[in-house]
């Protein structure tokens, strides 16, 4: 395994796969040439999303136990997460069923704003050679986000199998939004002393 270039090791390949999953999920909702959310589209998108989410937990774990951490992996892993979460939130807000609508849009907006703000903060701090470690609660936030999006992708198709699937997804989305505010504040508090000249 050590002879494999870092860019092509298994943890990084899993990260690339997660990035490729993003357009595949979008395509599920455009199978008829326009945005639509048939039951088939939702189940197909959910299947791809579940596999992509599993790679999120697997790539970091494998990189650590196989000692295959790399700069490209450290850079792409959070980007892949943010792409997956952001695109799914936008799809659920735009789909014909309006899975995320009304007040629930605020939860999605909070999550998207935090992801952009924290990315900017991380980039700024990286230029100063300052690392902000990922906290345990931030990992829980990501897990809750993934669960919420899984339920929301199933949406009305899931409601036919498990009643209140959509409502469970919306509830989890609000929990994720609250955790998002907390962890975002945590990051800014940790980085604030480095932002003041």
C-alpha atoms as a PDB file:
ATOM      1  CA  UNK A   1       0.000   0.000   0.000  1.00  0.00           C
ATOM      2  CA  UNK A   2       2.896   2.344   0.734  1.00  0.00           C
ATOM      3  CA  UNK A   3       3.930   2.310  -2.975  1.00  0.00           C
ATOM      4  CA  UNK A   4       0.564   3.836  -4.007  1.00  0.00           C
ATOM      5  CA  UNK A   5       0.831   7.594  -4.626  1.00  0.00           C
ATOM      6  CA  UNK A   6      -0.990   9.532  -1.878  1.00  0.00           C
ATOM      7  CA  UNK A   7      -3.481  10.997  -4.350  1.00  0.00           C
ATOM      8  CA  UNK A   8      -4.642   7.495  -5.340  1.00  0.00           C
ATOM      9  CA  UNK A   9      -4.785   5.739  -1.992  1.00  0.00           C
ATOM     10  CA  UNK A  10      -8.092   4.160  -0.934  1.00  0.00           C
ATOM     11  CA  UNK A  11      -9.161   6.906   1.551  1.00  0.00           C
ATOM     12  CA  UNK A  12      -8.698   9.554  -1.156  1.00  0.00           C
ATOM     13  CA  UNK A  13     -10.515   7.442  -3.756  1.00  0.00           C
ATOM     14  CA  UNK A  14     -13.462   7.269  -1.346  1.00  0.00           C
ATOM     15  CA  UNK A  15     -13.393  11.065  -1.066  1.00  0.00           C
ATOM     16  CA  UNK A  16     -13.358  11.422  -4.880  1.00  0.00           C
ATOM     17  CA  UNK A  17     -16.319   9.032  -4.984  1.00  0.00           C
ATOM     18  CA  UNK A  18     -18.231  11.243  -2.564  1.00  0.00           C
ATOM     19  CA  UNK A  19     -17.632  14.255  -4.820  1.00  0.00           C
ATOM     20  CA  UNK A  20     -18.826  12.261  -7.861  1.00  0.00           C
ATOM     21  CA  UNK A  21     -21.955  11.262  -5.935  1.00  0.00           C
ATOM     22  CA  UNK A  22     -23.106  14.906  -5.872  1.00  0.00           C
ATOM     23  CA  UNK A  23     -23.936  15.253  -9.618  1.00  0.00           C
ATOM     24  CA  UNK A  24     -25.341  11.695  -9.572  1.00  0.00           C
ATOM     25  CA  UNK A  25     -27.847  12.684  -6.859  1.00  0.00           C
ATOM     26  CA  UNK A  26     -28.820  15.765  -8.876  1.00  0.00           C
ATOM     27  CA  UNK A  27     -29.267  13.644 -12.016  1.00  0.00           C
ATOM     28  CA  UNK A  28     -31.759  11.419 -10.169  1.00  0.00           C
ATOM     29  CA  UNK A  29     -34.069  14.433  -9.910  1.00  0.00           C
ATOM     30  CA  UNK A  30     -33.594  15.382 -13.579  1.00  0.00           C
ATOM     31  CA  UNK A  31     -34.213  11.996 -15.206  1.00  0.00           C
ATOM     32  CA  UNK A  32     -37.128  13.393 -17.231  1.00  0.00           C
ATOM     33  CA  UNK A  33     -35.217  16.488 -18.330  1.00  0.00           C
ATOM     34  CA  UNK A  34     -36.773  18.702 -15.667  1.00  0.00           C
ATOM     35  CA  UNK A  35     -36.647  18.870 -11.888  1.00  0.00           C
ATOM     36  CA  UNK A  36     -39.086  16.276 -10.579  1.00  0.00           C
ATOM     37  CA  UNK A  37     -39.232  14.117  -7.476  1.00  0.00           C
ATOM     38  CA  UNK A  38     -40.810  10.799  -8.398  1.00  0.00           C
ATOM     39  CA  UNK A  39     -40.587   7.936  -5.910  1.00  0.00           C
ATOM     40  CA  UNK A  40     -37.926   6.288  -8.067  1.00  0.00           C
ATOM     41  CA  UNK A  41     -35.852   9.505  -8.160  1.00  0.00           C
ATOM     42  CA  UNK A  42     -36.011   9.803  -4.381  1.00  0.00           C
ATOM     43  CA  UNK A  43     -35.074   6.186  -3.632  1.00  0.00           C
ATOM     44  CA  UNK A  44     -32.222   6.287  -6.186  1.00  0.00           C
ATOM     45  CA  UNK A  45     -30.911   9.562  -4.738  1.00  0.00           C
ATOM     46  CA  UNK A  46     -31.212   8.185  -1.204  1.00  0.00           C
ATOM     47  CA  UNK A  47     -29.227   5.065  -2.142  1.00  0.00           C
ATOM     48  CA  UNK A  48     -26.395   7.145  -3.603  1.00  0.00           C
ATOM     49  CA  UNK A  49     -26.510   9.519  -0.618  1.00  0.00           C
ATOM     50  CA  UNK A  50     -26.279   6.677   1.934  1.00  0.00           C
ATOM     51  CA  UNK A  51     -23.232   5.193   0.188  1.00  0.00           C
ATOM     52  CA  UNK A  52     -21.632   8.662  -0.068  1.00  0.00           C
ATOM     53  CA  UNK A  53     -22.326   9.337   3.625  1.00  0.00           C
ATOM     54  CA  UNK A  54     -20.717   6.046   4.624  1.00  0.00           C
ATOM     55  CA  UNK A  55     -17.554   7.002   2.718  1.00  0.00           C
ATOM     56  CA  UNK A  56     -17.436  10.187   4.820  1.00  0.00           C
ATOM     57  CA  UNK A  57     -16.936   8.122   7.969  1.00  0.00           C
ATOM     58  CA  UNK A  58     -14.831   5.447   6.270  1.00  0.00           C
ATOM     59  CA  UNK A  59     -12.210   7.550   4.478  1.00  0.00           C
ATOM     60  CA  UNK A  60     -10.939   9.306   7.613  1.00  0.00           C
ATOM     61  CA  UNK A  61     -10.968   6.068   9.613  1.00  0.00           C
ATOM     62  CA  UNK A  62      -8.978   4.172   6.960  1.00  0.00           C
ATOM     63  CA  UNK A  63      -6.549   7.069   6.494  1.00  0.00           C
ATOM     64  CA  UNK A  64      -5.770   6.982  10.227  1.00  0.00           C
ATOM     65  CA  UNK A  65      -5.451   3.210  10.714  1.00  0.00           C
ATOM     66  CA  UNK A  66      -3.436   2.743   7.502  1.00  0.00           C
ATOM     67  CA  UNK A  67      -1.395   5.894   8.132  1.00  0.00           C
ATOM     68  CA  UNK A  68      -2.431   7.263   4.726  1.00  0.00           C
ATOM     69  CA  UNK A  69      -3.343  10.813   5.653  1.00  0.00           C
ATOM     70  CA  UNK A  70      -2.402  13.278   2.917  1.00  0.00           C
ATOM     71  CA  UNK A  71      -2.636  16.985   2.146  1.00  0.00           C
ATOM     72  CA  UNK A  72      -5.061  16.408  -0.730  1.00  0.00           C
ATOM     73  CA  UNK A  73      -7.250  14.266   1.521  1.00  0.00           C
ATOM     74  CA  UNK A  74      -7.282  16.896   4.265  1.00  0.00           C
ATOM     75  CA  UNK A  75      -8.252  19.529   1.687  1.00  0.00           C
ATOM     76  CA  UNK A  76     -10.895  17.565  -0.239  1.00  0.00           C
ATOM     77  CA  UNK A  77     -12.643  15.793   2.652  1.00  0.00           C
ATOM     78  CA  UNK A  78     -14.421  18.887   4.058  1.00  0.00           C
ATOM     79  CA  UNK A  79     -15.091  20.156   0.515  1.00  0.00           C
ATOM     80  CA  UNK A  80     -16.780  16.852  -0.382  1.00  0.00           C
ATOM     81  CA  UNK A  81     -18.924  17.053   2.778  1.00  0.00           C
ATOM     82  CA  UNK A  82     -19.990  20.627   2.089  1.00  0.00           C
ATOM     83  CA  UNK A  83     -20.808  19.887  -1.556  1.00  0.00           C
ATOM     84  CA  UNK A  84     -22.940  16.883  -0.607  1.00  0.00           C
ATOM     85  CA  UNK A  85     -24.841  18.714   2.149  1.00  0.00           C
ATOM     86  CA  UNK A  86     -25.301  21.990   0.229  1.00  0.00           C
ATOM     87  CA  UNK A  87     -26.516  20.399  -2.997  1.00  0.00           C
ATOM     88  CA  UNK A  88     -28.979  18.139  -1.167  1.00  0.00           C
ATOM     89  CA  UNK A  89     -30.369  21.105   0.796  1.00  0.00           C
ATOM     90  CA  UNK A  90     -30.809  23.118  -2.412  1.00  0.00           C
ATOM     91  CA  UNK A  91     -32.466  20.170  -4.175  1.00  0.00           C
ATOM     92  CA  UNK A  92     -34.918  19.634  -1.327  1.00  0.00           C
ATOM     93  CA  UNK A  93     -35.807  23.348  -1.320  1.00  0.00           C
ATOM     94  CA  UNK A  94     -36.297  23.423  -5.101  1.00  0.00           C
ATOM     95  CA  UNK A  95     -38.013  20.077  -5.764  1.00  0.00           C
ATOM     96  CA  UNK A  96     -41.647  19.923  -6.872  1.00  0.00           C
ATOM     97  CA  UNK A  97     -42.741  18.554  -3.484  1.00  0.00           C
ATOM     98  CA  UNK A  98     -41.014  21.487  -1.709  1.00  0.00           C
ATOM     99  CA  UNK A  99     -39.647  19.103   0.920  1.00  0.00           C
ATOM    100  CA  UNK A 100     -37.949  22.026   2.663  1.00  0.00           C
ATOM    101  CA  UNK A 101     -40.291  25.026   2.613  1.00  0.00           C
ATOM    102  CA  UNK A 102     -41.636  27.830   4.799  1.00  0.00           C
ATOM    103  CA  UNK A 103     -39.891  28.244   8.145  1.00  0.00           C
ATOM    104  CA  UNK A 104     -37.805  25.120   7.500  1.00  0.00           C
ATOM    105  CA  UNK A 105     -35.895  27.090   4.869  1.00  0.00           C
ATOM    106  CA  UNK A 106     -34.327  29.040   7.739  1.00  0.00           C
ATOM    107  CA  UNK A 107     -32.758  25.836   9.075  1.00  0.00           C
ATOM    108  CA  UNK A 108     -31.257  25.172   5.628  1.00  0.00           C
ATOM    109  CA  UNK A 109     -30.046  28.800   5.346  1.00  0.00           C
ATOM    110  CA  UNK A 110     -28.396  28.615   8.794  1.00  0.00           C
ATOM    111  CA  UNK A 111     -26.562  25.418   7.795  1.00  0.00           C
ATOM    112  CA  UNK A 112     -25.422  26.822   4.426  1.00  0.00           C
ATOM    113  CA  UNK A 113     -24.259  30.140   5.938  1.00  0.00           C
ATOM    114  CA  UNK A 114     -22.293  28.380   8.659  1.00  0.00           C
ATOM    115  CA  UNK A 115     -20.572  26.079   6.149  1.00  0.00           C
ATOM    116  CA  UNK A 116     -19.468  29.066   4.045  1.00  0.00           C
ATOM    117  CA  UNK A 117     -18.382  31.173   7.047  1.00  0.00           C
ATOM    118  CA  UNK A 118     -16.403  28.358   8.684  1.00  0.00           C
ATOM    119  CA  UNK A 119     -14.737  27.511   5.351  1.00  0.00           C
ATOM    120  CA  UNK A 120     -13.639  31.142   5.043  1.00  0.00           C
ATOM    121  CA  UNK A 121     -12.368  31.166   8.621  1.00  0.00           C
ATOM    122  CA  UNK A 122     -10.436  27.916   8.120  1.00  0.00           C
ATOM    123  CA  UNK A 123      -8.827  29.274   4.938  1.00  0.00           C
ATOM    124  CA  UNK A 124      -7.820  32.484   6.709  1.00  0.00           C
ATOM    125  CA  UNK A 125      -6.391  30.629   9.711  1.00  0.00           C
ATOM    126  CA  UNK A 126      -4.569  28.149   7.447  1.00  0.00           C
ATOM    127  CA  UNK A 127      -2.725  31.101   5.891  1.00  0.00           C
ATOM    128  CA  UNK A 128      -1.606  31.986   9.426  1.00  0.00           C
ATOM    129  CA  UNK A 129      -0.526  28.355   9.991  1.00  0.00           C
ATOM    130  CA  UNK A 130      -3.244  27.962  12.654  1.00  0.00           C
ATOM    131  CA  UNK A 131      -5.177  24.720  12.818  1.00  0.00           C
ATOM    132  CA  UNK A 132      -8.686  24.549  14.317  1.00  0.00           C
ATOM    133  CA  UNK A 133      -9.390  20.938  15.307  1.00  0.00           C
ATOM    134  CA  UNK A 134     -12.778  19.331  14.617  1.00  0.00           C
ATOM    135  CA  UNK A 135     -14.663  18.928  17.890  1.00  0.00           C
ATOM    136  CA  UNK A 136     -16.781  15.931  18.892  1.00  0.00           C
ATOM    137  CA  UNK A 137     -19.957  18.029  18.767  1.00  0.00           C
ATOM    138  CA  UNK A 138     -19.076  19.097  15.205  1.00  0.00           C
ATOM    139  CA  UNK A 139     -18.942  15.401  14.276  1.00  0.00           C
ATOM    140  CA  UNK A 140     -22.366  14.922  15.876  1.00  0.00           C
ATOM    141  CA  UNK A 141     -23.622  17.908  13.881  1.00  0.00           C
ATOM    142  CA  UNK A 142     -22.460  16.298  10.648  1.00  0.00           C
ATOM    143  CA  UNK A 143     -24.101  12.987  11.617  1.00  0.00           C
ATOM    144  CA  UNK A 144     -27.435  14.691  12.387  1.00  0.00           C
ATOM    145  CA  UNK A 145     -27.232  16.633   9.101  1.00  0.00           C
ATOM    146  CA  UNK A 146     -26.666  13.418   7.157  1.00  0.00           C
ATOM    147  CA  UNK A 147     -29.577  11.690   8.928  1.00  0.00           C
ATOM    148  CA  UNK A 148     -31.854  14.685   8.289  1.00  0.00           C
ATOM    149  CA  UNK A 149     -30.966  14.752   4.590  1.00  0.00           C
ATOM    150  CA  UNK A 150     -31.476  10.997   4.307  1.00  0.00           C
ATOM    151  CA  UNK A 151     -35.033  11.312   5.629  1.00  0.00           C
ATOM    152  CA  UNK A 152     -35.702  14.381   3.463  1.00  0.00           C
ATOM    153  CA  UNK A 153     -34.410  12.707   0.306  1.00  0.00           C
ATOM    154  CA  UNK A 154     -36.842   9.851   0.931  1.00  0.00           C
ATOM    155  CA  UNK A 155     -39.517  12.498   1.630  1.00  0.00           C
ATOM    156  CA  UNK A 156     -43.016  11.684   0.291  1.00  0.00           C
ATOM    157  CA  UNK A 157     -41.758   8.335  -1.077  1.00  0.00           C
ATOM    158  CA  UNK A 158     -40.576   7.460   2.426  1.00  0.00           C
ATOM    159  CA  UNK A 159     -43.882   8.614   3.958  1.00  0.00           C
ATOM    160  CA  UNK A 160     -45.592   5.735   2.134  1.00  0.00           C
ATOM    161  CA  UNK A 161     -43.293   3.241   3.885  1.00  0.00           C
ATOM    162  CA  UNK A 162     -42.645   4.965   7.222  1.00  0.00           C
ATOM    163  CA  UNK A 163     -45.266   7.574   8.194  1.00  0.00           C
ATOM    164  CA  UNK A 164     -43.851  10.999   9.127  1.00  0.00           C
ATOM    165  CA  UNK A 165     -40.566  10.400   7.284  1.00  0.00           C
ATOM    166  CA  UNK A 166     -40.566  13.997   6.010  1.00  0.00           C
ATOM    167  CA  UNK A 167     -41.477  15.412   9.427  1.00  0.00           C
ATOM    168  CA  UNK A 168     -38.664  13.410  11.053  1.00  0.00           C
ATOM    169  CA  UNK A 169     -36.268  14.863   8.458  1.00  0.00           C
ATOM    170  CA  UNK A 170     -37.453  18.431   9.142  1.00  0.00           C
ATOM    171  CA  UNK A 171     -37.125  17.934  12.909  1.00  0.00           C
ATOM    172  CA  UNK A 172     -33.582  16.577  12.516  1.00  0.00           C
ATOM    173  CA  UNK A 173     -32.769  19.489  10.198  1.00  0.00           C
ATOM    174  CA  UNK A 174     -33.676  21.939  12.976  1.00  0.00           C
ATOM    175  CA  UNK A 175     -31.564  19.963  15.469  1.00  0.00           C
ATOM    176  CA  UNK A 176     -28.680  20.150  12.962  1.00  0.00           C
ATOM    177  CA  UNK A 177     -29.255  23.914  12.559  1.00  0.00           C
ATOM    178  CA  UNK A 178     -29.045  24.434  16.352  1.00  0.00           C
ATOM    179  CA  UNK A 179     -25.839  22.352  16.533  1.00  0.00           C
ATOM    180  CA  UNK A 180     -24.572  24.321  13.536  1.00  0.00           C
ATOM    181  CA  UNK A 181     -25.011  27.633  15.383  1.00  0.00           C
ATOM    182  CA  UNK A 182     -23.243  26.245  18.447  1.00  0.00           C
ATOM    183  CA  UNK A 183     -20.284  24.763  16.553  1.00  0.00           C
ATOM    184  CA  UNK A 184     -20.019  27.847  14.317  1.00  0.00           C
ATOM    185  CA  UNK A 185     -19.786  30.033  17.432  1.00  0.00           C
ATOM    186  CA  UNK A 186     -17.209  27.608  18.831  1.00  0.00           C
ATOM    187  CA  UNK A 187     -15.029  27.930  15.705  1.00  0.00           C
ATOM    188  CA  UNK A 188     -15.249  31.721  15.635  1.00  0.00           C
ATOM    189  CA  UNK A 189     -14.472  31.984  19.337  1.00  0.00           C
ATOM    190  CA  UNK A 190     -11.382  29.762  18.815  1.00  0.00           C
ATOM    191  CA  UNK A 191     -10.295  31.764  15.763  1.00  0.00           C
ATOM    192  CA  UNK A 192     -11.170  35.259  17.008  1.00  0.00           C
ATOM    193  CA  UNK A 193      -7.886  35.848  18.820  1.00  0.00           C
ATOM    194  CA  UNK A 194      -6.005  35.152  15.585  1.00  0.00           C
ATOM    195  CA  UNK A 195      -8.232  37.510  13.558  1.00  0.00           C
ATOM    196  CA  UNK A 196      -7.535  40.571  15.734  1.00  0.00           C
ATOM    197  CA  UNK A 197      -4.246  42.278  14.853  1.00  0.00           C
END
